[in-house]
């Protein structure tokens, strides 16, 4: 049995965030909601194309995010 003690568990994990990415090849805009900081992402439309980071979108009023 593994016993782990987590101190300050609310701050031990990064807060989820939504980022906006753009694919230069297919011109798609992709939003990614993740609990981890993303350094790079691949286009789900083109496959192997690395997306260009556009910014965080958590603070945009009127936008709601849901699970896909």
N, C-alpha and C. Protein backbone atom coordinates (compact mmCIF):
# COMPACT_ATOMS: atom_id res chain seq x y z
N UNK A 1 0.84 -1.17 0.00
CA UNK A 1 0.00 0.00 0.00
C UNK A 1 0.89 1.23 0.00
N UNK A 2 0.50 2.20 -0.78
CA UNK A 2 1.26 3.44 -0.90
C UNK A 2 0.50 4.55 -0.17
N UNK A 3 1.16 5.16 0.78
CA UNK A 3 0.57 6.27 1.51
C UNK A 3 1.28 7.56 1.13
N UNK A 4 0.53 8.46 0.56
CA UNK A 4 1.09 9.75 0.17
C UNK A 4 0.43 10.86 0.98
N UNK A 5 1.25 11.77 1.42
CA UNK A 5 0.73 12.94 2.12
C UNK A 5 0.85 14.12 1.17
N UNK A 6 -0.28 14.76 0.90
CA UNK A 6 -0.28 15.91 0.01
C UNK A 6 -0.55 17.15 0.84
N UNK A 7 0.44 18.01 0.87
CA UNK A 7 0.28 19.26 1.61
C UNK A 7 -0.20 20.33 0.64
N UNK A 8 -1.11 21.14 1.10
CA UNK A 8 -1.67 22.21 0.27
C UNK A 8 -2.16 21.66 -1.07
N UNK A 9 -2.99 20.65 -1.02
CA UNK A 9 -3.40 19.94 -2.23
C UNK A 9 -4.08 20.85 -3.25
N UNK A 10 -4.71 21.91 -2.81
CA UNK A 10 -5.36 22.81 -3.75
C UNK A 10 -4.34 23.54 -4.62
N UNK A 11 -3.18 23.81 -4.11
CA UNK A 11 -2.17 24.51 -4.89
C UNK A 11 -1.10 23.58 -5.44
N UNK A 12 -1.19 22.28 -5.13
CA UNK A 12 -0.18 21.34 -5.59
C UNK A 12 -0.32 21.04 -7.08
N UNK A 13 -1.52 21.21 -7.63
CA UNK A 13 -1.77 20.92 -9.03
C UNK A 13 -2.01 22.22 -9.77
N UNK A 14 -1.52 22.32 -11.03
CA UNK A 14 -1.76 23.54 -11.80
C UNK A 14 -3.24 23.70 -12.12
N UNK A 15 -3.69 24.92 -12.16
CA UNK A 15 -5.07 25.19 -12.51
C UNK A 15 -5.28 24.94 -14.00
N UNK A 16 -6.43 24.38 -14.38
CA UNK A 16 -6.68 24.17 -15.80
C UNK A 16 -6.76 25.50 -16.53
N UNK A 17 -6.35 25.48 -17.75
CA UNK A 17 -6.40 26.70 -18.54
C UNK A 17 -6.69 26.38 -19.99
N UNK A 18 -7.23 27.36 -20.70
CA UNK A 18 -7.54 27.18 -22.11
C UNK A 18 -6.65 28.09 -22.93
N UNK A 19 -6.02 27.50 -23.94
CA UNK A 19 -5.13 28.24 -24.81
C UNK A 19 -5.65 28.14 -26.24
N UNK A 20 -5.31 29.13 -27.05
CA UNK A 20 -5.72 29.18 -28.44
C UNK A 20 -4.50 28.98 -29.32
N UNK A 21 -4.63 28.11 -30.32
CA UNK A 21 -3.54 27.75 -31.23
C UNK A 21 -4.01 27.91 -32.67
N UNK A 22 -3.07 28.14 -33.59
CA UNK A 22 -3.40 28.30 -35.01
C UNK A 22 -2.51 27.41 -35.86
N UNK A 23 -3.11 26.76 -36.87
CA UNK A 23 -2.36 25.92 -37.80
C UNK A 23 -2.14 26.71 -39.09
N UNK A 24 -0.88 26.91 -39.46
CA UNK A 24 -0.58 27.65 -40.68
C UNK A 24 -0.93 26.87 -41.94
N UNK A 25 -0.93 25.54 -41.85
CA UNK A 25 -1.19 24.72 -43.03
C UNK A 25 -2.67 24.70 -43.42
N UNK A 26 -3.55 24.36 -42.48
CA UNK A 26 -4.98 24.26 -42.80
C UNK A 26 -5.78 25.48 -42.32
N UNK A 27 -5.11 26.43 -41.68
CA UNK A 27 -5.72 27.69 -41.20
C UNK A 27 -6.79 27.46 -40.14
N UNK A 28 -6.67 26.37 -39.37
CA UNK A 28 -7.63 26.07 -38.30
C UNK A 28 -7.20 26.74 -37.00
N UNK A 29 -8.18 27.17 -36.22
CA UNK A 29 -7.93 27.65 -34.87
C UNK A 29 -8.40 26.56 -33.91
N UNK A 30 -7.55 26.20 -32.97
CA UNK A 30 -7.81 25.11 -32.04
C UNK A 30 -7.71 25.65 -30.62
N UNK A 31 -8.71 25.38 -29.79
CA UNK A 31 -8.60 25.71 -28.37
C UNK A 31 -8.34 24.41 -27.61
N UNK A 32 -7.41 24.48 -26.67
CA UNK A 32 -7.04 23.31 -25.88
C UNK A 32 -7.22 23.65 -24.41
N UNK A 33 -8.03 22.86 -23.73
CA UNK A 33 -8.25 23.03 -22.29
C UNK A 33 -7.44 21.96 -21.58
N UNK A 34 -6.47 22.38 -20.76
CA UNK A 34 -5.55 21.44 -20.15
C UNK A 34 -5.23 21.84 -18.72
N UNK A 35 -4.97 20.84 -17.88
CA UNK A 35 -4.56 21.09 -16.50
C UNK A 35 -3.05 21.28 -16.40
N UNK A 36 -2.35 21.12 -17.52
CA UNK A 36 -0.90 21.30 -17.55
C UNK A 36 -0.53 22.41 -18.51
N UNK A 37 0.63 22.98 -18.32
CA UNK A 37 1.12 24.00 -19.22
C UNK A 37 1.62 23.33 -20.50
N UNK A 38 1.10 23.77 -21.63
CA UNK A 38 1.52 23.21 -22.91
C UNK A 38 2.64 24.04 -23.51
N UNK A 39 3.66 23.38 -23.99
CA UNK A 39 4.77 24.05 -24.66
C UNK A 39 4.63 23.96 -26.18
N UNK A 40 3.96 22.92 -26.65
CA UNK A 40 3.73 22.71 -28.08
C UNK A 40 2.51 21.82 -28.25
N UNK A 41 1.88 21.90 -29.42
CA UNK A 41 0.71 21.08 -29.72
C UNK A 41 0.70 20.76 -31.20
N UNK A 42 0.13 19.60 -31.52
CA UNK A 42 0.00 19.18 -32.91
C UNK A 42 -1.42 19.42 -33.39
N UNK A 43 -1.56 19.75 -34.66
CA UNK A 43 -2.86 20.02 -35.26
C UNK A 43 -3.66 18.72 -35.36
N UNK A 44 -4.87 18.67 -34.80
CA UNK A 44 -5.68 17.45 -34.91
C UNK A 44 -6.26 17.26 -36.31
N UNK A 45 -6.25 18.30 -37.15
CA UNK A 45 -6.78 18.21 -38.51
C UNK A 45 -5.70 17.70 -39.46
N UNK A 46 -4.50 18.30 -39.41
CA UNK A 46 -3.41 17.94 -40.32
C UNK A 46 -2.58 16.76 -39.82
N UNK A 47 -2.51 16.59 -38.52
CA UNK A 47 -1.74 15.48 -37.95
C UNK A 47 -0.41 15.91 -37.37
N UNK A 48 0.60 16.00 -38.19
CA UNK A 48 1.96 16.23 -37.70
C UNK A 48 2.40 17.70 -37.69
N UNK A 49 1.52 18.61 -38.00
CA UNK A 49 1.89 20.03 -38.06
C UNK A 49 1.86 20.64 -36.66
N UNK A 50 2.94 21.30 -36.27
CA UNK A 50 3.00 21.96 -34.97
C UNK A 50 2.22 23.27 -35.04
N UNK A 51 1.36 23.47 -34.06
CA UNK A 51 0.52 24.66 -34.01
C UNK A 51 1.28 25.87 -33.48
N UNK A 52 0.84 27.04 -33.89
CA UNK A 52 1.40 28.31 -33.42
C UNK A 52 0.55 28.80 -32.24
N UNK A 53 1.20 29.10 -31.11
CA UNK A 53 0.51 29.56 -29.92
C UNK A 53 -0.01 30.97 -30.13
N UNK A 54 -1.31 31.20 -29.84
CA UNK A 54 -1.92 32.52 -30.00
C UNK A 54 -2.16 33.22 -28.66
N UNK A 55 -2.32 32.46 -27.58
CA UNK A 55 -2.53 33.07 -26.28
C UNK A 55 -3.52 32.30 -25.43
N UNK A 56 -3.73 32.82 -24.22
CA UNK A 56 -4.69 32.23 -23.29
C UNK A 56 -6.04 32.90 -23.51
N UNK A 57 -7.10 32.13 -23.38
CA UNK A 57 -8.44 32.68 -23.61
C UNK A 57 -9.35 32.57 -22.40
N UNK A 58 -8.82 32.29 -21.22
CA UNK A 58 -9.63 32.14 -20.02
C UNK A 58 -10.35 33.42 -19.63
N UNK A 59 -9.76 34.55 -19.95
CA UNK A 59 -10.33 35.80 -19.45
C UNK A 59 -11.23 36.50 -20.47
N UNK A 60 -11.58 35.85 -21.57
CA UNK A 60 -12.43 36.47 -22.57
C UNK A 60 -13.89 36.39 -22.13
N UNK A 61 -14.57 37.52 -22.00
CA UNK A 61 -15.96 37.50 -21.55
C UNK A 61 -16.88 36.87 -22.59
N UNK A 62 -17.90 36.16 -22.12
CA UNK A 62 -18.90 35.60 -23.00
C UNK A 62 -18.52 34.27 -23.64
N UNK A 63 -17.33 33.74 -23.35
CA UNK A 63 -16.92 32.46 -23.92
C UNK A 63 -17.05 31.39 -22.86
N UNK A 64 -17.72 30.31 -23.22
CA UNK A 64 -17.87 29.18 -22.32
C UNK A 64 -17.20 27.97 -22.95
N UNK A 65 -16.59 27.14 -22.10
CA UNK A 65 -15.87 25.98 -22.58
C UNK A 65 -16.54 24.73 -22.03
N UNK A 66 -16.59 23.69 -22.85
CA UNK A 66 -17.18 22.44 -22.44
C UNK A 66 -16.31 21.28 -22.89
N UNK A 67 -16.62 20.11 -22.40
CA UNK A 67 -15.88 18.91 -22.79
C UNK A 67 -16.34 18.45 -24.17
N UNK A 68 -15.37 18.03 -24.98
CA UNK A 68 -15.69 17.53 -26.31
C UNK A 68 -15.59 16.02 -26.34
